[in-house]
mmCIF file of all heavy atoms, coordinates in Angstrom:
data_MODEL
# 
_entry.id   MODEL 
# 
loop_
_atom_site.group_PDB 
_atom_site.id 
_atom_site.type_symbol 
_atom_site.label_atom_id 
_atom_site.label_alt_id 
_atom_site.label_comp_id 
_atom_site.label_asym_id 
_atom_site.label_entity_id 
_atom_site.label_seq_id 
_atom_site.pdbx_PDB_ins_code 
_atom_site.Cartn_x 
_atom_site.Cartn_y 
_atom_site.Cartn_z 
_atom_site.occupancy 
_atom_site.B_iso_or_equiv 
_atom_site.pdbx_formal_charge 
_atom_site.auth_seq_id 
_atom_site.auth_comp_id 
_atom_site.auth_asym_id 
_atom_site.auth_atom_id 
_atom_site.pdbx_PDB_model_num 
ATOM 1   N N   . ARG A 1 1  ? 43.872 30.540 -67.763 1.00 0.00 ? 1  ARG A N   1 
ATOM 2   C CA  . ARG A 1 1  ? 44.259 31.840 -67.208 1.00 0.00 ? 1  ARG A CA  1 
ATOM 3   C C   . ARG A 1 1  ? 45.598 32.269 -67.787 1.00 0.00 ? 1  ARG A C   1 
ATOM 4   O O   . ARG A 1 1  ? 46.554 31.501 -67.836 1.00 0.00 ? 1  ARG A O   1 
ATOM 5   C CB  . ARG A 1 1  ? 44.346 31.750 -65.687 1.00 0.00 ? 1  ARG A CB  1 
ATOM 6   C CG  . ARG A 1 1  ? 43.009 31.525 -65.007 1.00 0.00 ? 1  ARG A CG  1 
ATOM 7   C CD  . ARG A 1 1  ? 43.159 31.270 -63.530 1.00 0.00 ? 1  ARG A CD  1 
ATOM 8   N NE  . ARG A 1 1  ? 43.858 32.357 -62.856 1.00 0.00 ? 1  ARG A NE  1 
ATOM 9   C CZ  . ARG A 1 1  ? 44.258 32.309 -61.596 1.00 0.00 ? 1  ARG A CZ  1 
ATOM 10  N NH1 . ARG A 1 1  ? 44.044 31.207 -60.879 1.00 0.00 ? 1  ARG A NH1 1 
ATOM 11  N NH2 . ARG A 1 1  ? 44.868 33.333 -61.050 1.00 0.00 ? 1  ARG A NH2 1 
ATOM 12  N N   . ILE A 1 2  ? 45.648 33.521 -68.224 1.00 0.00 ? 2  ILE A N   1 
ATOM 13  C CA  . ILE A 1 2  ? 46.825 33.985 -68.968 1.00 0.00 ? 2  ILE A CA  1 
ATOM 14  C C   . ILE A 1 2  ? 48.104 33.883 -68.147 1.00 0.00 ? 2  ILE A C   1 
ATOM 15  O O   . ILE A 1 2  ? 49.150 33.493 -68.662 1.00 0.00 ? 2  ILE A O   1 
ATOM 16  C CB  . ILE A 1 2  ? 46.610 35.425 -69.489 1.00 0.00 ? 2  ILE A CB  1 
ATOM 17  C CG1 . ILE A 1 2  ? 47.778 35.819 -70.397 1.00 0.00 ? 2  ILE A CG1 1 
ATOM 18  C CG2 . ILE A 1 2  ? 46.451 36.422 -68.346 1.00 0.00 ? 2  ILE A CG2 1 
ATOM 19  C CD1 . ILE A 1 2  ? 47.526 37.062 -71.205 1.00 0.00 ? 2  ILE A CD1 1 
ATOM 20  N N   . GLU A 1 3  ? 48.031 34.201 -66.843 1.00 0.00 ? 3  GLU A N   1 
ATOM 21  C CA  . GLU A 1 3  ? 49.251 34.144 -66.047 1.00 0.00 ? 3  GLU A CA  1 
ATOM 22  C C   . GLU A 1 3  ? 49.737 32.707 -65.885 1.00 0.00 ? 3  GLU A C   1 
ATOM 23  O O   . GLU A 1 3  ? 50.945 32.456 -65.724 1.00 0.00 ? 3  GLU A O   1 
ATOM 24  C CB  . GLU A 1 3  ? 49.039 34.788 -64.674 1.00 0.00 ? 3  GLU A CB  1 
ATOM 25  C CG  . GLU A 1 3  ? 48.031 34.106 -63.771 1.00 0.00 ? 3  GLU A CG  1 
ATOM 26  C CD  . GLU A 1 3  ? 46.610 34.623 -63.979 1.00 0.00 ? 3  GLU A CD  1 
ATOM 27  O OE1 . GLU A 1 3  ? 46.363 35.246 -65.035 1.00 0.00 ? 3  GLU A OE1 1 
ATOM 28  O OE2 . GLU A 1 3  ? 45.769 34.407 -63.078 1.00 0.00 ? 3  GLU A OE2 1 
ATOM 29  N N   . VAL A 1 4  ? 48.812 31.739 -65.969 1.00 0.00 ? 4  VAL A N   1 
ATOM 30  C CA  . VAL A 1 4  ? 49.189 30.332 -65.824 1.00 0.00 ? 4  VAL A CA  1 
ATOM 31  C C   . VAL A 1 4  ? 49.810 29.804 -67.111 1.00 0.00 ? 4  VAL A C   1 
ATOM 32  O O   . VAL A 1 4  ? 50.878 29.180 -67.091 1.00 0.00 ? 4  VAL A O   1 
ATOM 33  C CB  . VAL A 1 4  ? 47.970 29.486 -65.416 1.00 0.00 ? 4  VAL A CB  1 
ATOM 34  C CG1 . VAL A 1 4  ? 48.366 28.012 -65.300 1.00 0.00 ? 4  VAL A CG1 1 
ATOM 35  C CG2 . VAL A 1 4  ? 47.403 29.972 -64.089 1.00 0.00 ? 4  VAL A CG2 1 
ATOM 36  N N   . PHE A 1 5  ? 49.161 30.059 -68.263 1.00 0.00 ? 5  PHE A N   1 
ATOM 37  C CA  . PHE A 1 5  ? 49.744 29.514 -69.491 1.00 0.00 ? 5  PHE A CA  1 
ATOM 38  C C   . PHE A 1 5  ? 51.015 30.260 -69.879 1.00 0.00 ? 5  PHE A C   1 
ATOM 39  O O   . PHE A 1 5  ? 51.917 29.683 -70.492 1.00 0.00 ? 5  PHE A O   1 
ATOM 40  C CB  . PHE A 1 5  ? 48.735 29.405 -70.638 1.00 0.00 ? 5  PHE A CB  1 
ATOM 41  C CG  . PHE A 1 5  ? 48.275 30.681 -71.295 1.00 0.00 ? 5  PHE A CG  1 
ATOM 42  C CD1 . PHE A 1 5  ? 49.139 31.472 -72.034 1.00 0.00 ? 5  PHE A CD1 1 
ATOM 43  C CD2 . PHE A 1 5  ? 46.944 31.053 -71.229 1.00 0.00 ? 5  PHE A CD2 1 
ATOM 44  C CE1 . PHE A 1 5  ? 48.701 32.615 -72.666 1.00 0.00 ? 5  PHE A CE1 1 
ATOM 45  C CE2 . PHE A 1 5  ? 46.489 32.199 -71.859 1.00 0.00 ? 5  PHE A CE2 1 
ATOM 46  C CZ  . PHE A 1 5  ? 47.373 32.984 -72.582 1.00 0.00 ? 5  PHE A CZ  1 
ATOM 47  N N   . LYS A 1 6  ? 51.150 31.532 -69.508 1.00 0.00 ? 6  LYS A N   1 
ATOM 48  C CA  . LYS A 1 6  ? 52.409 32.224 -69.787 1.00 0.00 ? 6  LYS A CA  1 
ATOM 49  C C   . LYS A 1 6  ? 53.542 31.660 -68.929 1.00 0.00 ? 6  LYS A C   1 
ATOM 50  O O   . LYS A 1 6  ? 54.682 31.569 -69.389 1.00 0.00 ? 6  LYS A O   1 
ATOM 51  C CB  . LYS A 1 6  ? 52.247 33.717 -69.554 1.00 0.00 ? 6  LYS A CB  1 
ATOM 52  C CG  . LYS A 1 6  ? 51.490 34.440 -70.656 1.00 0.00 ? 6  LYS A CG  1 
ATOM 53  C CD  . LYS A 1 6  ? 51.440 35.936 -70.433 1.00 0.00 ? 6  LYS A CD  1 
ATOM 54  C CE  . LYS A 1 6  ? 52.798 36.568 -70.442 1.00 0.00 ? 6  LYS A CE  1 
ATOM 55  N NZ  . LYS A 1 6  ? 52.737 38.033 -70.273 1.00 0.00 ? 6  LYS A NZ  1 
ATOM 56  N N   . ARG A 1 7  ? 53.235 31.282 -67.704 1.00 0.00 ? 7  ARG A N   1 
ATOM 57  C CA  . ARG A 1 7  ? 54.249 30.668 -66.854 1.00 0.00 ? 7  ARG A CA  1 
ATOM 58  C C   . ARG A 1 7  ? 54.685 29.326 -67.441 1.00 0.00 ? 7  ARG A C   1 
ATOM 59  O O   . ARG A 1 7  ? 55.883 29.000 -67.460 1.00 0.00 ? 7  ARG A O   1 
ATOM 60  C CB  . ARG A 1 7  ? 53.699 30.500 -65.441 1.00 0.00 ? 7  ARG A CB  1 
ATOM 61  C CG  . ARG A 1 7  ? 54.727 30.056 -64.428 1.00 0.00 ? 7  ARG A CG  1 
ATOM 62  C CD  . ARG A 1 7  ? 54.272 30.366 -63.009 1.00 0.00 ? 7  ARG A CD  1 
ATOM 63  N NE  . ARG A 1 7  ? 52.997 29.724 -62.683 1.00 0.00 ? 7  ARG A NE  1 
ATOM 64  C CZ  . ARG A 1 7  ? 51.875 30.402 -62.376 1.00 0.00 ? 7  ARG A CZ  1 
ATOM 65  N NH1 . ARG A 1 7  ? 51.878 31.729 -62.350 1.00 0.00 ? 7  ARG A NH1 1 
ATOM 66  N NH2 . ARG A 1 7  ? 50.761 29.759 -62.082 1.00 0.00 ? 7  ARG A NH2 1 
ATOM 67  N N   . PHE A 1 8  ? 53.720 28.556 -67.932 1.00 0.00 ? 8  PHE A N   1 
ATOM 68  C CA  . PHE A 1 8  ? 54.048 27.283 -68.574 1.00 0.00 ? 8  PHE A CA  1 
ATOM 69  C C   . PHE A 1 8  ? 54.907 27.512 -69.816 1.00 0.00 ? 8  PHE A C   1 
ATOM 70  O O   . PHE A 1 8  ? 55.927 26.836 -70.026 1.00 0.00 ? 8  PHE A O   1 
ATOM 71  C CB  . PHE A 1 8  ? 52.783 26.520 -68.959 1.00 0.00 ? 8  PHE A CB  1 
ATOM 72  C CG  . PHE A 1 8  ? 53.028 25.389 -69.908 1.00 0.00 ? 8  PHE A CG  1 
ATOM 73  C CD1 . PHE A 1 8  ? 53.535 24.181 -69.449 1.00 0.00 ? 8  PHE A CD1 1 
ATOM 74  C CD2 . PHE A 1 8  ? 52.789 25.534 -71.267 1.00 0.00 ? 8  PHE A CD2 1 
ATOM 75  C CE1 . PHE A 1 8  ? 53.799 23.143 -70.338 1.00 0.00 ? 8  PHE A CE1 1 
ATOM 76  C CE2 . PHE A 1 8  ? 53.042 24.504 -72.159 1.00 0.00 ? 8  PHE A CE2 1 
ATOM 77  C CZ  . PHE A 1 8  ? 53.543 23.302 -71.693 1.00 0.00 ? 8  PHE A CZ  1 
ATOM 78  N N   . LEU A 1 9  ? 54.511 28.462 -70.650 1.00 0.00 ? 9  LEU A N   1 
ATOM 79  C CA  . LEU A 1 9  ? 55.260 28.730 -71.876 1.00 0.00 ? 9  LEU A CA  1 
ATOM 80  C C   . LEU A 1 9  ? 56.676 29.217 -71.574 1.00 0.00 ? 9  LEU A C   1 
ATOM 81  O O   . LEU A 1 9  ? 57.636 28.842 -72.259 1.00 0.00 ? 9  LEU A O   1 
ATOM 82  C CB  . LEU A 1 9  ? 54.523 29.759 -72.729 1.00 0.00 ? 9  LEU A CB  1 
ATOM 83  C CG  . LEU A 1 9  ? 53.274 29.248 -73.456 1.00 0.00 ? 9  LEU A CG  1 
ATOM 84  C CD1 . LEU A 1 9  ? 52.468 30.406 -74.029 1.00 0.00 ? 9  LEU A CD1 1 
ATOM 85  C CD2 . LEU A 1 9  ? 53.659 28.271 -74.568 1.00 0.00 ? 9  LEU A CD2 1 
ATOM 86  N N   . ALA A 1 10 ? 56.812 30.041 -70.553 1.00 0.00 ? 10 ALA A N   1 
ATOM 87  C CA  . ALA A 1 10 ? 58.141 30.509 -70.176 1.00 0.00 ? 10 ALA A CA  1 
ATOM 88  C C   . ALA A 1 10 ? 59.047 29.330 -69.818 1.00 0.00 ? 10 ALA A C   1 
ATOM 89  O O   . ALA A 1 10 ? 60.228 29.292 -70.207 1.00 0.00 ? 10 ALA A O   1 
ATOM 90  C CB  . ALA A 1 10 ? 58.049 31.488 -69.010 1.00 0.00 ? 10 ALA A CB  1 
ATOM 91  N N   . ARG A 1 11 ? 58.498 28.366 -69.103 1.00 0.00 ? 11 ARG A N   1 
ATOM 92  C CA  . ARG A 1 11 ? 59.264 27.176 -68.744 1.00 0.00 ? 11 ARG A CA  1 
ATOM 93  C C   . ARG A 1 11 ? 59.591 26.347 -69.985 1.00 0.00 ? 11 ARG A C   1 
ATOM 94  O O   . ARG A 1 11 ? 60.715 25.854 -70.149 1.00 0.00 ? 11 ARG A O   1 
ATOM 95  C CB  . ARG A 1 11 ? 58.473 26.334 -67.741 1.00 0.00 ? 11 ARG A CB  1 
ATOM 96  C CG  . ARG A 1 11 ? 59.137 25.017 -67.354 1.00 0.00 ? 11 ARG A CG  1 
ATOM 97  C CD  . ARG A 1 11 ? 60.508 25.215 -66.773 1.00 0.00 ? 11 ARG A CD  1 
ATOM 98  N NE  . ARG A 1 11 ? 61.153 23.960 -66.411 1.00 0.00 ? 11 ARG A NE  1 
ATOM 99  C CZ  . ARG A 1 11 ? 62.464 23.770 -66.418 1.00 0.00 ? 11 ARG A CZ  1 
ATOM 100 N NH1 . ARG A 1 11 ? 63.284 24.756 -66.752 1.00 0.00 ? 11 ARG A NH1 1 
ATOM 101 N NH2 . ARG A 1 11 ? 62.962 22.595 -66.081 1.00 0.00 ? 11 ARG A NH2 1 
ATOM 102 N N   . LEU A 1 12 ? 58.626 26.224 -70.877 1.00 0.00 ? 12 LEU A N   1 
ATOM 103 C CA  . LEU A 1 12 ? 58.830 25.457 -72.100 1.00 0.00 ? 12 LEU A CA  1 
ATOM 104 C C   . LEU A 1 12 ? 59.966 26.049 -72.932 1.00 0.00 ? 12 LEU A C   1 
ATOM 105 O O   . LEU A 1 12 ? 60.866 25.336 -73.389 1.00 0.00 ? 12 LEU A O   1 
ATOM 106 C CB  . LEU A 1 12 ? 57.533 25.441 -72.912 1.00 0.00 ? 12 LEU A CB  1 
ATOM 107 C CG  . LEU A 1 12 ? 57.449 24.509 -74.119 1.00 0.00 ? 12 LEU A CG  1 
ATOM 108 C CD1 . LEU A 1 12 ? 57.496 23.054 -73.686 1.00 0.00 ? 12 LEU A CD1 1 
ATOM 109 C CD2 . LEU A 1 12 ? 56.175 24.787 -74.908 1.00 0.00 ? 12 LEU A CD2 1 
ATOM 110 N N   . PHE A 1 13 ? 59.948 27.362 -73.114 1.00 0.00 ? 13 PHE A N   1 
ATOM 111 C CA  . PHE A 1 13 ? 60.995 28.000 -73.917 1.00 0.00 ? 13 PHE A CA  1 
ATOM 112 C C   . PHE A 1 13 ? 62.347 27.986 -73.201 1.00 0.00 ? 13 PHE A C   1 
ATOM 113 O O   . PHE A 1 13 ? 63.397 27.945 -73.850 1.00 0.00 ? 13 PHE A O   1 
ATOM 114 C CB  . PHE A 1 13 ? 60.580 29.417 -74.279 1.00 0.00 ? 13 PHE A CB  1 
ATOM 115 C CG  . PHE A 1 13 ? 59.478 29.465 -75.298 1.00 0.00 ? 13 PHE A CG  1 
ATOM 116 C CD1 . PHE A 1 13 ? 58.240 30.004 -74.988 1.00 0.00 ? 13 PHE A CD1 1 
ATOM 117 C CD2 . PHE A 1 13 ? 59.665 28.940 -76.566 1.00 0.00 ? 13 PHE A CD2 1 
ATOM 118 C CE1 . PHE A 1 13 ? 57.222 30.033 -75.922 1.00 0.00 ? 13 PHE A CE1 1 
ATOM 119 C CE2 . PHE A 1 13 ? 58.653 28.967 -77.510 1.00 0.00 ? 13 PHE A CE2 1 
ATOM 120 C CZ  . PHE A 1 13 ? 57.422 29.515 -77.194 1.00 0.00 ? 13 PHE A CZ  1 
ATOM 121 N N   . GLU A 1 14 ? 62.314 28.016 -71.893 1.00 0.00 ? 14 GLU A N   1 
ATOM 122 C CA  . GLU A 1 14 ? 63.572 27.907 -71.145 1.00 0.00 ? 14 GLU A CA  1 
ATOM 123 C C   . GLU A 1 14 ? 64.231 26.561 -71.410 1.00 0.00 ? 14 GLU A C   1 
ATOM 124 O O   . GLU A 1 14 ? 65.451 26.480 -71.616 1.00 0.00 ? 14 GLU A O   1 
ATOM 125 C CB  . GLU A 1 14 ? 63.296 28.070 -69.650 1.00 0.00 ? 14 GLU A CB  1 
ATOM 126 C CG  . GLU A 1 14 ? 64.533 27.955 -68.786 1.00 0.00 ? 14 GLU A CG  1 
ATOM 127 C CD  . GLU A 1 14 ? 64.213 28.016 -67.289 1.00 0.00 ? 14 GLU A CD  1 
ATOM 128 O OE1 . GLU A 1 14 ? 63.022 27.878 -66.921 1.00 0.00 ? 14 GLU A OE1 1 
ATOM 129 O OE2 . GLU A 1 14 ? 65.155 28.207 -66.506 1.00 0.00 ? 14 GLU A OE2 1 
ATOM 130 N N   . ILE A 1 15 ? 63.428 25.505 -71.430 1.00 0.00 ? 15 ILE A N   1 
ATOM 131 C CA  . ILE A 1 15 ? 63.960 24.175 -71.687 1.00 0.00 ? 15 ILE A CA  1 
ATOM 132 C C   . ILE A 1 15 ? 64.541 24.083 -73.098 1.00 0.00 ? 15 ILE A C   1 
ATOM 133 O O   . ILE A 1 15 ? 65.601 23.488 -73.315 1.00 0.00 ? 15 ILE A O   1 
ATOM 134 C CB  . ILE A 1 15 ? 62.851 23.112 -71.499 1.00 0.00 ? 15 ILE A CB  1 
ATOM 135 C CG1 . ILE A 1 15 ? 62.467 23.006 -70.016 1.00 0.00 ? 15 ILE A CG1 1 
ATOM 136 C CG2 . ILE A 1 15 ? 63.308 21.749 -72.032 1.00 0.00 ? 15 ILE A CG2 1 
ATOM 137 C CD1 . ILE A 1 15 ? 61.263 22.123 -69.754 1.00 0.00 ? 15 ILE A CD1 1 
ATOM 138 N N   . MET A 1 16 ? 63.890 24.707 -74.067 1.00 0.00 ? 16 MET A N   1 
ATOM 139 C CA  . MET A 1 16 ? 64.326 24.606 -75.461 1.00 0.00 ? 16 MET A CA  1 
ATOM 140 C C   . MET A 1 16 ? 65.598 25.395 -75.739 1.00 0.00 ? 16 MET A C   1 
ATOM 141 O O   . MET A 1 16 ? 66.286 25.132 -76.727 1.00 0.00 ? 16 MET A O   1 
ATOM 142 C CB  . MET A 1 16 ? 63.198 25.063 -76.391 1.00 0.00 ? 16 MET A CB  1 
ATOM 143 C CG  . MET A 1 16 ? 62.068 24.053 -76.488 1.00 0.00 ? 16 MET A CG  1 
ATOM 144 S SD  . MET A 1 16 ? 60.876 24.491 -77.772 1.00 0.00 ? 16 MET A SD  1 
ATOM 145 C CE  . MET A 1 16 ? 60.051 25.869 -76.991 1.00 0.00 ? 16 MET A CE  1 
ATOM 146 N N   . GLY A 1 17 ? 65.888 26.381 -74.922 1.00 0.00 ? 17 GLY A N   1 
ATOM 147 C CA  . GLY A 1 17 ? 67.113 27.131 -75.121 1.00 0.00 ? 17 GLY A CA  1 
ATOM 148 C C   . GLY A 1 17 ? 66.993 28.215 -76.180 1.00 0.00 ? 17 GLY A C   1 
ATOM 149 O O   . GLY A 1 17 ? 65.895 28.609 -76.557 1.00 0.00 ? 17 GLY A O   1 
ATOM 150 N N   . PRO A 1 18 ? 68.137 28.698 -76.700 1.00 0.00 ? 18 PRO A N   1 
ATOM 151 C CA  . PRO A 1 18 ? 68.121 29.874 -77.570 1.00 0.00 ? 18 PRO A CA  1 
ATOM 152 C C   . PRO A 1 18 ? 67.503 29.650 -78.943 1.00 0.00 ? 18 PRO A C   1 
ATOM 153 O O   . PRO A 1 18 ? 67.141 30.610 -79.617 1.00 0.00 ? 18 PRO A O   1 
ATOM 154 C CB  . PRO A 1 18 ? 69.604 30.242 -77.699 1.00 0.00 ? 18 PRO A CB  1 
ATOM 155 C CG  . PRO A 1 18 ? 70.331 28.963 -77.423 1.00 0.00 ? 18 PRO A CG  1 
ATOM 156 C CD  . PRO A 1 18 ? 69.510 28.251 -76.397 1.00 0.00 ? 18 PRO A CD  1 
ATOM 157 N N   . SER A 1 19 ? 67.394 28.396 -79.386 1.00 0.00 ? 19 SER A N   1 
ATOM 158 C CA  . SER A 1 19 ? 66.843 28.122 -80.711 1.00 0.00 ? 19 SER A CA  1 
ATOM 159 C C   . SER A 1 19 ? 65.833 26.975 -80.643 1.00 0.00 ? 19 SER A C   1 
ATOM 160 O O   . SER A 1 19 ? 66.218 25.802 -80.673 1.00 0.00 ? 19 SER A O   1 
ATOM 161 C CB  . SER A 1 19 ? 67.950 27.774 -81.711 1.00 0.00 ? 19 SER A CB  1 
ATOM 162 O OG  . SER A 1 19 ? 67.386 27.410 -82.956 1.00 0.00 ? 19 SER A OG  1 
ATOM 163 N N   . PRO A 1 20 ? 64.535 27.285 -80.565 1.00 0.00 ? 20 PRO A N   1 
ATOM 164 C CA  . PRO A 1 20 ? 63.519 26.227 -80.541 1.00 0.00 ? 20 PRO A CA  1 
ATOM 165 C C   . PRO A 1 20 ? 63.583 25.309 -81.752 1.00 0.00 ? 20 PRO A C   1 
ATOM 166 O O   . PRO A 1 20 ? 63.360 24.096 -81.629 1.00 0.00 ? 20 PRO A O   1 
ATOM 167 C CB  . PRO A 1 20 ? 62.203 27.012 -80.504 1.00 0.00 ? 20 PRO A CB  1 
ATOM 168 C CG  . PRO A 1 20 ? 62.557 28.311 -79.874 1.00 0.00 ? 20 PRO A CG  1 
ATOM 169 C CD  . PRO A 1 20 ? 63.936 28.618 -80.367 1.00 0.00 ? 20 PRO A CD  1 
ATOM 170 N N   . SER A 1 21 ? 63.890 25.854 -82.924 1.00 0.00 ? 21 SER A N   1 
ATOM 171 C CA  . SER A 1 21 ? 63.930 25.012 -84.125 1.00 0.00 ? 21 SER A CA  1 
ATOM 172 C C   . SER A 1 21 ? 65.080 24.011 -84.049 1.00 0.00 ? 21 SER A C   1 
ATOM 173 O O   . SER A 1 21 ? 64.924 22.840 -84.432 1.00 0.00 ? 21 SER A O   1 
ATOM 174 C CB  . SER A 1 21 ? 64.052 25.880 -85.381 1.00 0.00 ? 21 SER A CB  1 
ATOM 175 O OG  . SER A 1 21 ? 65.255 26.619 -85.378 1.00 0.00 ? 21 SER A OG  1 
ATOM 176 N N   . GLU A 1 22 ? 66.224 24.435 -83.556 1.00 0.00 ? 22 GLU A N   1 
ATOM 177 C CA  . GLU A 1 22 ? 67.353 23.515 -83.428 1.00 0.00 ? 22 GLU A CA  1 
ATOM 178 C C   . GLU A 1 22 ? 67.086 22.476 -82.343 1.00 0.00 ? 22 GLU A C   1 
ATOM 179 O O   . GLU A 1 22 ? 67.501 21.320 -82.473 1.00 0.00 ? 22 GLU A O   1 
ATOM 180 C CB  . GLU A 1 22 ? 68.628 24.299 -83.125 1.00 0.00 ? 22 GLU A CB  1 
ATOM 181 C CG  . GLU A 1 22 ? 69.104 25.147 -84.296 1.00 0.00 ? 22 GLU A CG  1 
ATOM 182 C CD  . GLU A 1 22 ? 70.368 25.921 -83.975 1.00 0.00 ? 22 GLU A CD  1 
ATOM 183 O OE1 . GLU A 1 22 ? 70.931 25.714 -82.870 1.00 0.00 ? 22 GLU A OE1 1 
ATOM 184 O OE2 . GLU A 1 22 ? 70.795 26.726 -84.821 1.00 0.00 ? 22 GLU A OE2 1 
ATOM 185 N N   . PHE A 1 23 ? 66.401 22.886 -81.289 1.00 0.00 ? 23 PHE A N   1 
ATOM 186 C CA  . PHE A 1 23 ? 66.017 21.927 -80.248 1.00 0.00 ? 23 PHE A CA  1 
ATOM 187 C C   . PHE A 1 23 ? 65.157 20.821 -80.840 1.00 0.00 ? 23 PHE A C   1 
ATOM 188 O O   . PHE A 1 23 ? 65.338 19.632 -80.545 1.00 0.00 ? 23 PHE A O   1 
ATOM 189 C CB  . PHE A 1 23 ? 65.260 22.662 -79.140 1.00 0.00 ? 23 PHE A CB  1 
ATOM 190 C CG  . PHE A 1 23 ? 64.726 21.765 -78.060 1.00 0.00 ? 23 PHE A CG  1 
ATOM 191 C CD1 . PHE A 1 23 ? 65.510 21.382 -76.988 1.00 0.00 ? 23 PHE A CD1 1 
ATOM 192 C CD2 . PHE A 1 23 ? 63.415 21.301 -78.121 1.00 0.00 ? 23 PHE A CD2 1 
ATOM 193 C CE1 . PHE A 1 23 ? 65.006 20.547 -75.991 1.00 0.00 ? 23 PHE A CE1 1 
ATOM 194 C CE2 . PHE A 1 23 ? 62.904 20.469 -77.132 1.00 0.00 ? 23 PHE A CE2 1 
ATOM 195 C CZ  . PHE A 1 23 ? 63.704 20.089 -76.064 1.00 0.00 ? 23 PHE A CZ  1 
ATOM 196 N N   . ILE A 1 24 ? 64.216 21.200 -81.697 1.00 0.00 ? 24 ILE A N   1 
ATOM 197 C CA  . ILE A 1 24 ? 63.332 20.217 -82.319 1.00 0.00 ? 24 ILE A CA  1 
ATOM 198 C C   . ILE A 1 24 ? 64.127 19.304 -83.249 1.00 0.00 ? 24 ILE A C   1 
ATOM 199 O O   . ILE A 1 24 ? 63.933 18.083 -83.265 1.00 0.00 ? 24 ILE A O   1 
ATOM 200 C CB  . ILE A 1 24 ? 62.194 20.926 -83.074 1.00 0.00 ? 24 ILE A CB  1 
ATOM 201 C CG1 . ILE A 1 24 ? 61.229 21.551 -82.073 1.00 0.00 ? 24 ILE A CG1 1 
ATOM 202 C CG2 . ILE A 1 24 ? 61.454 19.964 -84.001 1.00 0.00 ? 24 ILE A CG2 1 
ATOM 203 C CD1 . ILE A 1 24 ? 60.171 22.439 -82.693 1.00 0.00 ? 24 ILE A CD1 1 
ATOM 204 N N   . VAL A 1 25 ? 65.032 19.860 -84.032 1.00 0.00 ? 25 VAL A N   1 
ATOM 205 C CA  . VAL A 1 25 ? 65.844 19.061 -84.955 1.00 0.00 ? 25 VAL A CA  1 
ATOM 206 C C   . VAL A 1 25 ? 66.659 18.024 -84.198 1.00 0.00 ? 25 VAL A C   1 
ATOM 207 O O   . VAL A 1 25 ? 66.782 16.870 -84.633 1.00 0.00 ? 25 VAL A O   1 
ATOM 208 C CB  . VAL A 1 25 ? 66.768 19.966 -85.795 1.00 0.00 ? 25 VAL A CB  1 
ATOM 209 C CG1 . VAL A 1 25 ? 67.801 19.129 -86.552 1.00 0.00 ? 25 VAL A CG1 1 
ATOM 210 C CG2 . VAL A 1 25 ? 65.935 20.793 -86.771 1.00 0.00 ? 25 VAL A CG2 1 
ATOM 211 N N   . ARG A 1 26 ? 67.206 18.405 -83.044 1.00 0.00 ? 26 ARG A N   1 
ATOM 212 C CA  . ARG A 1 26 ? 68.005 17.449 -82.262 1.00 0.00 ? 26 ARG A CA  1 
ATOM 213 C C   . ARG A 1 26 ? 67.158 16.271 -81.800 1.00 0.00 ? 26 ARG A C   1 
ATOM 214 O O   . ARG A 1 26 ? 67.654 15.147 -81.711 1.00 0.00 ? 26 ARG A O   1 
ATOM 215 C CB  . ARG A 1 26 ? 68.639 18.157 -81.058 1.00 0.00 ? 26 ARG A CB  1 
ATOM 216 C CG  . ARG A 1 26 ? 69.764 19.110 -81.447 1.00 0.00 ? 26 ARG A CG  1 
ATOM 217 C CD  . ARG A 1 26 ? 70.588 19.506 -80.238 1.00 0.00 ? 26 ARG A CD  1 
ATOM 218 N NE  . ARG A 1 26 ? 69.815 20.227 -79.239 1.00 0.00 ? 26 ARG A NE  1 
ATOM 219 C CZ  . ARG A 1 26 ? 69.670 21.546 -79.210 1.00 0.00 ? 26 ARG A CZ  1 
ATOM 220 N NH1 . ARG A 1 26 ? 70.236 22.301 -80.154 1.00 0.00 ? 26 ARG A NH1 1 
ATOM 221 N NH2 . ARG A 1 26 ? 68.959 22.133 -78.271 1.00 0.00 ? 26 ARG A NH2 1 
# 
């Protein structure tokens, strides 16, 4: 369900902060 996976993704990106690529590098 779109509202469910968007809620999950919002949380995921919140954890990663302003730069997902830098989060991954760390």
